[in-house]
Amino acid sequence: MPCPIRLEQAGEYYRLALTKNPNNLLVRSYMGQGFVEAGNLVAARGQHDEILARGGKGTWAEESLRKALSGGQTYRY
């Protein structure tokens, strides 16, 4: 049985992680993918823009969030 997604709780952890390291591209990508799952594409695009602004173009973090924004495909581990 899959584990339920707790987007609000996850968002709190992501925000905390970004206060410690705003350049953590993976946190930004996963946070953005959570926004995609929640239907908040504006916030997801904001995280994608932040990844690009921090030199992340072409990284897995950027590509996975870009794919999530274009097709809704997100990643879970």
PDB file of N, CA and C in Angstrom:
ATOM      1  N   MET A   1       0.844  -1.178   0.000  1.00  0.00           N
ATOM      2  CA  MET A   1       0.000   0.000   0.000  1.00  0.00           C
ATOM      3  C   MET A   1       0.890   1.243   0.000  1.00  0.00           C
ATOM      4  N   PRO A   2       0.699   2.174  -0.964  1.00  0.00           N
ATOM      5  CA  PRO A   2       1.548   3.355  -1.036  1.00  0.00           C
ATOM      6  C   PRO A   2       1.363   4.263   0.176  1.00  0.00           C
ATOM      7  N   CYS A   3       2.425   4.929   0.503  1.00  0.00           N
ATOM      8  CA  CYS A   3       2.405   5.880   1.613  1.00  0.00           C
ATOM      9  C   CYS A   3       1.669   7.148   1.181  1.00  0.00           C
ATOM     10  N   PRO A   4       0.770   7.675   2.014  1.00  0.00           N
ATOM     11  CA  PRO A   4       0.057   8.899   1.618  1.00  0.00           C
ATOM     12  C   PRO A   4       1.014  10.085   1.533  1.00  0.00           C
ATOM     13  N   ILE A   5       0.738  10.962   0.600  1.00  0.00           N
ATOM     14  CA  ILE A   5       1.566  12.152   0.422  1.00  0.00           C
ATOM     15  C   ILE A   5       1.060  13.227   1.376  1.00  0.00           C
ATOM     16  N   ARG A   6       1.953  13.782   2.141  1.00  0.00           N
ATOM     17  CA  ARG A   6       1.618  14.853   3.075  1.00  0.00           C
ATOM     18  C   ARG A   6       2.304  16.128   2.579  1.00  0.00           C
ATOM     19  N   LEU A   7       1.675  16.776   1.594  1.00  0.00           N
ATOM     20  CA  LEU A   7       2.301  17.920   0.934  1.00  0.00           C
ATOM     21  C   LEU A   7       2.553  19.079   1.883  1.00  0.00           C
ATOM     22  N   GLU A   8       1.623  19.343   2.790  1.00  0.00           N
ATOM     23  CA  GLU A   8       1.814  20.466   3.717  1.00  0.00           C
ATOM     24  C   GLU A   8       3.018  20.219   4.626  1.00  0.00           C
ATOM     25  N   GLN A   9       3.109  19.022   5.177  1.00  0.00           N
ATOM     26  CA  GLN A   9       4.241  18.685   6.040  1.00  0.00           C
ATOM     27  C   GLN A   9       5.548  18.692   5.249  1.00  0.00           C
ATOM     28  N   ALA A  10       5.506  18.147   4.042  1.00  0.00           N
ATOM     29  CA  ALA A  10       6.698  18.139   3.202  1.00  0.00           C
ATOM     30  C   ALA A  10       7.153  19.566   2.907  1.00  0.00           C
ATOM     31  N   GLY A  11       6.190  20.448   2.620  1.00  0.00           N
ATOM     32  CA  GLY A  11       6.519  21.845   2.350  1.00  0.00           C
ATOM     33  C   GLY A  11       7.242  22.508   3.505  1.00  0.00           C
ATOM     34  N   GLU A  12       6.835  22.181   4.723  1.00  0.00           N
ATOM     35  CA  GLU A  12       7.520  22.735   5.897  1.00  0.00           C
ATOM     36  C   GLU A  12       8.970  22.282   5.944  1.00  0.00           C
ATOM     37  N   TYR A  13       9.200  21.005   5.678  1.00  0.00           N
ATOM     38  CA  TYR A  13      10.567  20.486   5.675  1.00  0.00           C
ATOM     39  C   TYR A  13      11.398  21.102   4.550  1.00  0.00           C
ATOM     40  N   TYR A  14      10.795  21.253   3.373  1.00  0.00           N
ATOM     41  CA  TYR A  14      11.519  21.870   2.259  1.00  0.00           C
ATOM     42  C   TYR A  14      11.887  23.315   2.580  1.00  0.00           C
ATOM     43  N   ARG A  15      10.939  24.071   3.151  1.00  0.00           N
ATOM     44  CA  ARG A  15      11.237  25.464   3.506  1.00  0.00           C
ATOM     45  C   ARG A  15      12.360  25.545   4.540  1.00  0.00           C
ATOM     46  N   LEU A  16      12.329  24.650   5.506  1.00  0.00           N
ATOM     47  CA  LEU A  16      13.391  24.622   6.512  1.00  0.00           C
ATOM     48  C   LEU A  16      14.741  24.306   5.863  1.00  0.00           C
ATOM     49  N   ALA A  17      14.756  23.330   4.970  1.00  0.00           N
ATOM     50  CA  ALA A  17      16.001  22.977   4.283  1.00  0.00           C
ATOM     51  C   ALA A  17      16.531  24.148   3.466  1.00  0.00           C
ATOM     52  N   LEU A  18      15.624  24.907   2.831  1.00  0.00           N
ATOM     53  CA  LEU A  18      16.064  26.039   2.014  1.00  0.00           C
ATOM     54  C   LEU A  18      16.547  27.210   2.853  1.00  0.00           C
ATOM     55  N   THR A  19      16.068  27.340   4.092  1.00  0.00           N
ATOM     56  CA  THR A  19      16.620  28.390   4.952  1.00  0.00           C
ATOM     57  C   THR A  19      18.059  28.059   5.320  1.00  0.00           C
ATOM     58  N   LYS A  20      18.375  26.774   5.418  1.00  0.00           N
ATOM     59  CA  LYS A  20      19.745  26.354   5.731  1.00  0.00           C
ATOM     60  C   LYS A  20      20.653  26.406   4.512  1.00  0.00           C
ATOM     61  N   ASN A  21      20.093  26.083   3.333  1.00  0.00           N
ATOM     62  CA  ASN A  21      20.885  26.091   2.100  1.00  0.00           C
ATOM     63  C   ASN A  21      19.980  26.450   0.920  1.00  0.00           C
ATOM     64  N   PRO A  22      19.858  27.744   0.618  1.00  0.00           N
ATOM     65  CA  PRO A  22      18.988  28.155  -0.481  1.00  0.00           C
ATOM     66  C   PRO A  22      19.441  27.666  -1.855  1.00  0.00           C
ATOM     67  N   ASN A  23      20.664  27.168  -1.968  1.00  0.00           N
ATOM     68  CA  ASN A  23      21.190  26.679  -3.243  1.00  0.00           C
ATOM     69  C   ASN A  23      20.986  25.179  -3.438  1.00  0.00           C
ATOM     70  N   ASN A  24      20.224  24.534  -2.575  1.00  0.00           N
ATOM     71  CA  ASN A  24      19.992  23.102  -2.694  1.00  0.00           C
ATOM     72  C   ASN A  24      18.982  22.859  -3.819  1.00  0.00           C
ATOM     73  N   LEU A  25      19.504  22.522  -4.978  1.00  0.00           N
ATOM     74  CA  LEU A  25      18.669  22.376  -6.170  1.00  0.00           C
ATOM     75  C   LEU A  25      17.726  21.184  -6.072  1.00  0.00           C
ATOM     76  N   LEU A  26      18.151  20.112  -5.429  1.00  0.00           N
ATOM     77  CA  LEU A  26      17.272  18.954  -5.290  1.00  0.00           C
ATOM     78  C   LEU A  26      16.066  19.277  -4.424  1.00  0.00           C
ATOM     79  N   VAL A  27      16.270  20.009  -3.351  1.00  0.00           N
ATOM     80  CA  VAL A  27      15.140  20.414  -2.516  1.00  0.00           C
ATOM     81  C   VAL A  27      14.184  21.257  -3.338  1.00  0.00           C
ATOM     82  N   ARG A  28      14.710  22.177  -4.103  1.00  0.00           N
ATOM     83  CA  ARG A  28      13.859  23.029  -4.936  1.00  0.00           C
ATOM     84  C   ARG A  28      13.080  22.198  -5.967  1.00  0.00           C
ATOM     85  N   SER A  29      13.740  21.195  -6.547  1.00  0.00           N
ATOM     86  CA  SER A  29      13.076  20.350  -7.523  1.00  0.00           C
ATOM     87  C   SER A  29      11.951  19.537  -6.889  1.00  0.00           C
ATOM     88  N   TYR A  30      12.235  18.894  -5.783  1.00  0.00           N
ATOM     89  CA  TYR A  30      11.200  18.093  -5.122  1.00  0.00           C
ATOM     90  C   TYR A  30      10.062  18.965  -4.610  1.00  0.00           C
ATOM     91  N   MET A  31      10.400  20.131  -4.099  1.00  0.00           N
ATOM     92  CA  MET A  31       9.365  21.061  -3.648  1.00  0.00           C
ATOM     93  C   MET A  31       8.489  21.468  -4.831  1.00  0.00           C
ATOM     94  N   GLY A  32       9.133  21.782  -5.955  1.00  0.00           N
ATOM     95  CA  GLY A  32       8.394  22.146  -7.155  1.00  0.00           C
ATOM     96  C   GLY A  32       7.504  21.016  -7.653  1.00  0.00           C
ATOM     97  N   GLN A  33       8.001  19.789  -7.581  1.00  0.00           N
ATOM     98  CA  GLN A  33       7.193  18.648  -7.994  1.00  0.00           C
ATOM     99  C   GLN A  33       5.987  18.469  -7.067  1.00  0.00           C
ATOM    100  N   GLY A  34       6.183  18.762  -5.790  1.00  0.00           N
ATOM    101  CA  GLY A  34       5.049  18.735  -4.865  1.00  0.00           C
ATOM    102  C   GLY A  34       4.014  19.777  -5.238  1.00  0.00           C
ATOM    103  N   PHE A  35       4.482  20.950  -5.642  1.00  0.00           N
ATOM    104  CA  PHE A  35       3.557  21.994  -6.102  1.00  0.00           C
ATOM    105  C   PHE A  35       2.798  21.526  -7.346  1.00  0.00           C
ATOM    106  N   VAL A  36       3.487  20.826  -8.256  1.00  0.00           N
ATOM    107  CA  VAL A  36       2.809  20.304  -9.447  1.00  0.00           C
ATOM    108  C   VAL A  36       1.707  19.344  -9.022  1.00  0.00           C
ATOM    109  N   GLU A  37       2.018  18.426  -8.114  1.00  0.00           N
ATOM    110  CA  GLU A  37       1.018  17.466  -7.656  1.00  0.00           C
ATOM    111  C   GLU A  37      -0.166  18.153  -6.994  1.00  0.00           C
ATOM    112  N   ALA A  38       0.102  19.273  -6.332  1.00  0.00           N
ATOM    113  CA  ALA A  38      -0.969  20.015  -5.660  1.00  0.00           C
ATOM    114  C   ALA A  38      -1.724  20.933  -6.618  1.00  0.00           C
ATOM    115  N   GLY A  39      -1.236  21.032  -7.860  1.00  0.00           N
ATOM    116  CA  GLY A  39      -1.890  21.896  -8.839  1.00  0.00           C
ATOM    117  C   GLY A  39      -1.464  23.346  -8.790  1.00  0.00           C
ATOM    118  N   ASN A  40      -0.406  23.648  -8.038  1.00  0.00           N
ATOM    119  CA  ASN A  40       0.090  25.024  -7.912  1.00  0.00           C
ATOM    120  C   ASN A  40       1.255  25.219  -8.884  1.00  0.00           C
ATOM    121  N   LEU A  41       0.918  25.407 -10.155  1.00  0.00           N
ATOM    122  CA  LEU A  41       1.947  25.517 -11.190  1.00  0.00           C
ATOM    123  C   LEU A  41       2.727  26.820 -11.103  1.00  0.00           C
ATOM    124  N   VAL A  42       2.118  27.865 -10.581  1.00  0.00           N
ATOM    125  CA  VAL A  42       2.835  29.141 -10.420  1.00  0.00           C
ATOM    126  C   VAL A  42       3.997  28.951  -9.443  1.00  0.00           C
ATOM    127  N   ALA A  43       3.745  28.313  -8.307  1.00  0.00           N
ATOM    128  CA  ALA A  43       4.803  28.078  -7.324  1.00  0.00           C
ATOM    129  C   ALA A  43       5.849  27.108  -7.877  1.00  0.00           C
ATOM    130  N   ALA A  44       5.405  26.107  -8.631  1.00  0.00           N
ATOM    131  CA  ALA A  44       6.345  25.155  -9.230  1.00  0.00           C
ATOM    132  C   ALA A  44       7.261  25.863 -10.218  1.00  0.00           C
ATOM    133  N   ARG A  45       6.690  26.738 -11.039  1.00  0.00           N
ATOM    134  CA  ARG A  45       7.520  27.505 -11.988  1.00  0.00           C
ATOM    135  C   ARG A  45       8.492  28.417 -11.250  1.00  0.00           C
ATOM    136  N   GLY A  46       8.061  28.933 -10.118  1.00  0.00           N
ATOM    137  CA  GLY A  46       8.952  29.761  -9.300  1.00  0.00           C
ATOM    138  C   GLY A  46      10.175  28.983  -8.848  1.00  0.00           C
ATOM    139  N   GLN A  47       9.970  27.734  -8.453  1.00  0.00           N
ATOM    140  CA  GLN A  47      11.107  26.906  -8.048  1.00  0.00           C
ATOM    141  C   GLN A  47      11.987  26.574  -9.252  1.00  0.00           C
ATOM    142  N   HIS A  48      11.366  26.340 -10.402  1.00  0.00           N
ATOM    143  CA  HIS A  48      12.155  26.086 -11.614  1.00  0.00           C
ATOM    144  C   HIS A  48      13.003  27.309 -11.960  1.00  0.00           C
ATOM    145  N   ASP A  49      12.415  28.484 -11.854  1.00  0.00           N
ATOM    146  CA  ASP A  49      13.167  29.720 -12.114  1.00  0.00           C
ATOM    147  C   ASP A  49      14.340  29.862 -11.148  1.00  0.00           C
ATOM    148  N   GLU A  50      14.110  29.512  -9.885  1.00  0.00           N
ATOM    149  CA  GLU A  50      15.188  29.589  -8.885  1.00  0.00           C
ATOM    150  C   GLU A  50      16.313  28.615  -9.228  1.00  0.00           C
ATOM    151  N   ILE A  51      15.963  27.427  -9.672  1.00  0.00           N
ATOM    152  CA  ILE A  51      16.984  26.449 -10.066  1.00  0.00           C
ATOM    153  C   ILE A  51      17.829  27.009 -11.204  1.00  0.00           C
ATOM    154  N   LEU A  52      17.166  27.577 -12.203  1.00  0.00           N
ATOM    155  CA  LEU A  52      17.897  28.160 -13.328  1.00  0.00           C
ATOM    156  C   LEU A  52      18.779  29.322 -12.875  1.00  0.00           C
ATOM    157  N   ALA A  53      18.249  30.182 -12.020  1.00  0.00           N
ATOM    158  CA  ALA A  53      18.997  31.349 -11.543  1.00  0.00           C
ATOM    159  C   ALA A  53      20.223  30.945 -10.726  1.00  0.00           C
ATOM    160  N   ARG A  54      20.183  29.748 -10.146  1.00  0.00           N
ATOM    161  CA  ARG A  54      21.296  29.286  -9.311  1.00  0.00           C
ATOM    162  C   ARG A  54      22.233  28.349 -10.072  1.00  0.00           C
ATOM    163  N   GLY A  55      22.156  28.387 -11.411  1.00  0.00           N
ATOM    164  CA  GLY A  55      23.097  27.637 -12.238  1.00  0.00           C
ATOM    165  C   GLY A  55      22.732  26.184 -12.459  1.00  0.00           C
ATOM    166  N   GLY A  56      21.475  25.824 -12.282  1.00  0.00           N
ATOM    167  CA  GLY A  56      21.090  24.427 -12.375  1.00  0.00           C
ATOM    168  C   GLY A  56      20.582  23.951 -13.721  1.00  0.00           C
ATOM    169  N   LYS A  57      20.724  24.761 -14.759  1.00  0.00           N
ATOM    170  CA  LYS A  57      20.226  24.345 -16.082  1.00  0.00           C
ATOM    171  C   LYS A  57      20.905  23.044 -16.508  1.00  0.00           C
ATOM    172  N   GLY A  58      20.087  22.070 -16.943  1.00  0.00           N
ATOM    173  CA  GLY A  58      20.610  20.801 -17.417  1.00  0.00           C
ATOM    174  C   GLY A  58      20.857  19.768 -16.336  1.00  0.00           C
ATOM    175  N   THR A  59      20.698  20.129 -15.081  1.00  0.00           N
ATOM    176  CA  THR A  59      20.865  19.159 -14.000  1.00  0.00           C
ATOM    177  C   THR A  59      19.620  18.285 -13.910  1.00  0.00           C
ATOM    178  N   TRP A  60      19.752  17.161 -13.211  1.00  0.00           N
ATOM    179  CA  TRP A  60      18.593  16.295 -13.011  1.00  0.00           C
ATOM    180  C   TRP A  60      17.495  17.070 -12.296  1.00  0.00           C
ATOM    181  N   ALA A  61      17.866  17.899 -11.327  1.00  0.00           N
ATOM    182  CA  ALA A  61      16.876  18.678 -10.582  1.00  0.00           C
ATOM    183  C   ALA A  61      16.058  19.561 -11.517  1.00  0.00           C
ATOM    184  N   GLU A  62      16.724  20.232 -12.426  1.00  0.00           N
ATOM    185  CA  GLU A  62      16.030  21.123 -13.357  1.00  0.00           C
ATOM    186  C   GLU A  62      15.203  20.326 -14.362  1.00  0.00           C
ATOM    187  N   GLU A  63      15.801  19.294 -14.943  1.00  0.00           N
ATOM    188  CA  GLU A  63      15.099  18.522 -15.967  1.00  0.00           C
ATOM    189  C   GLU A  63      13.866  17.813 -15.417  1.00  0.00           C
ATOM    190  N   SER A  64      13.970  17.252 -14.226  1.00  0.00           N
ATOM    191  CA  SER A  64      12.821  16.533 -13.666  1.00  0.00           C
ATOM    192  C   SER A  64      11.677  17.484 -13.346  1.00  0.00           C
ATOM    193  N   LEU A  65      12.002  18.679 -12.850  1.00  0.00           N
ATOM    194  CA  LEU A  65      10.942  19.647 -12.570  1.00  0.00           C
ATOM    195  C   LEU A  65      10.349  20.180 -13.870  1.00  0.00           C
ATOM    196  N   ARG A  66      11.184  20.404 -14.867  1.00  0.00           N
ATOM    197  CA  ARG A  66      10.678  20.858 -16.169  1.00  0.00           C
ATOM    198  C   ARG A  66       9.717  19.824 -16.760  1.00  0.00           C
ATOM    199  N   LYS A  67      10.069  18.540 -16.673  1.00  0.00           N
ATOM    200  CA  LYS A  67       9.189  17.480 -17.171  1.00  0.00           C
ATOM    201  C   LYS A  67       7.890  17.428 -16.378  1.00  0.00           C
ATOM    202  N   ALA A  68       7.969  17.627 -15.085  1.00  0.00           N
ATOM    203  CA  ALA A  68       6.756  17.643 -14.260  1.00  0.00           C
ATOM    204  C   ALA A  68       5.847  18.793 -14.669  1.00  0.00           C
ATOM    205  N   LEU A  69       6.444  19.936 -14.942  1.00  0.00           N
ATOM    206  CA  LEU A  69       5.653  21.102 -15.359  1.00  0.00           C
ATOM    207  C   LEU A  69       5.019  20.887 -16.733  1.00  0.00           C
ATOM    208  N   SER A  70       5.722  20.215 -17.627  1.00  0.00           N
ATOM    209  CA  SER A  70       5.187  20.056 -18.980  1.00  0.00           C
ATOM    210  C   SER A  70       4.215  18.889 -19.104  1.00  0.00           C
ATOM    211  N   GLY A  71       4.384  17.858 -18.273  1.00  0.00           N
ATOM    212  CA  GLY A  71       3.530  16.696 -18.459  1.00  0.00           C
ATOM    213  C   GLY A  71       2.912  16.120 -17.201  1.00  0.00           C
ATOM    214  N   GLY A  72       3.224  16.702 -16.059  1.00  0.00           N
ATOM    215  CA  GLY A  72       2.657  16.214 -14.817  1.00  0.00           C
ATOM    216  C   GLY A  72       3.359  15.016 -14.218  1.00  0.00           C
ATOM    217  N   GLN A  73       4.420  14.500 -14.866  1.00  0.00           N
ATOM    218  CA  GLN A  73       5.166  13.349 -14.363  1.00  0.00           C
ATOM    219  C   GLN A  73       6.089  13.779 -13.229  1.00  0.00           C
ATOM    220  N   THR A  74       5.848  13.281 -12.026  1.00  0.00           N
ATOM    221  CA  THR A  74       6.701  13.602 -10.890  1.00  0.00           C
ATOM    222  C   THR A  74       7.403  12.333 -10.415  1.00  0.00           C
ATOM    223  N   TYR A  75       8.389  12.495  -9.552  1.00  0.00           N
ATOM    224  CA  TYR A  75       9.187  11.381  -9.053  1.00  0.00           C
ATOM    225  C   TYR A  75       9.002  11.237  -7.561  1.00  0.00           C
ATOM    226  N   ARG A  76       8.892   9.995  -7.104  1.00  0.00           N
ATOM    227  CA  ARG A  76       8.795   9.700  -5.665  1.00  0.00           C
ATOM    228  C   ARG A  76       9.747   8.564  -5.336  1.00  0.00           C
ATOM    229  N   TYR A  77      10.355   8.675  -4.165  1.00  0.00           N
ATOM    230  CA  TYR A  77      11.260   7.620  -3.714  1.00  0.00           C
ATOM    231  C   TYR A  77      10.862   7.157  -2.345  1.00  0.00           C
TER     232      TYR A  77
END
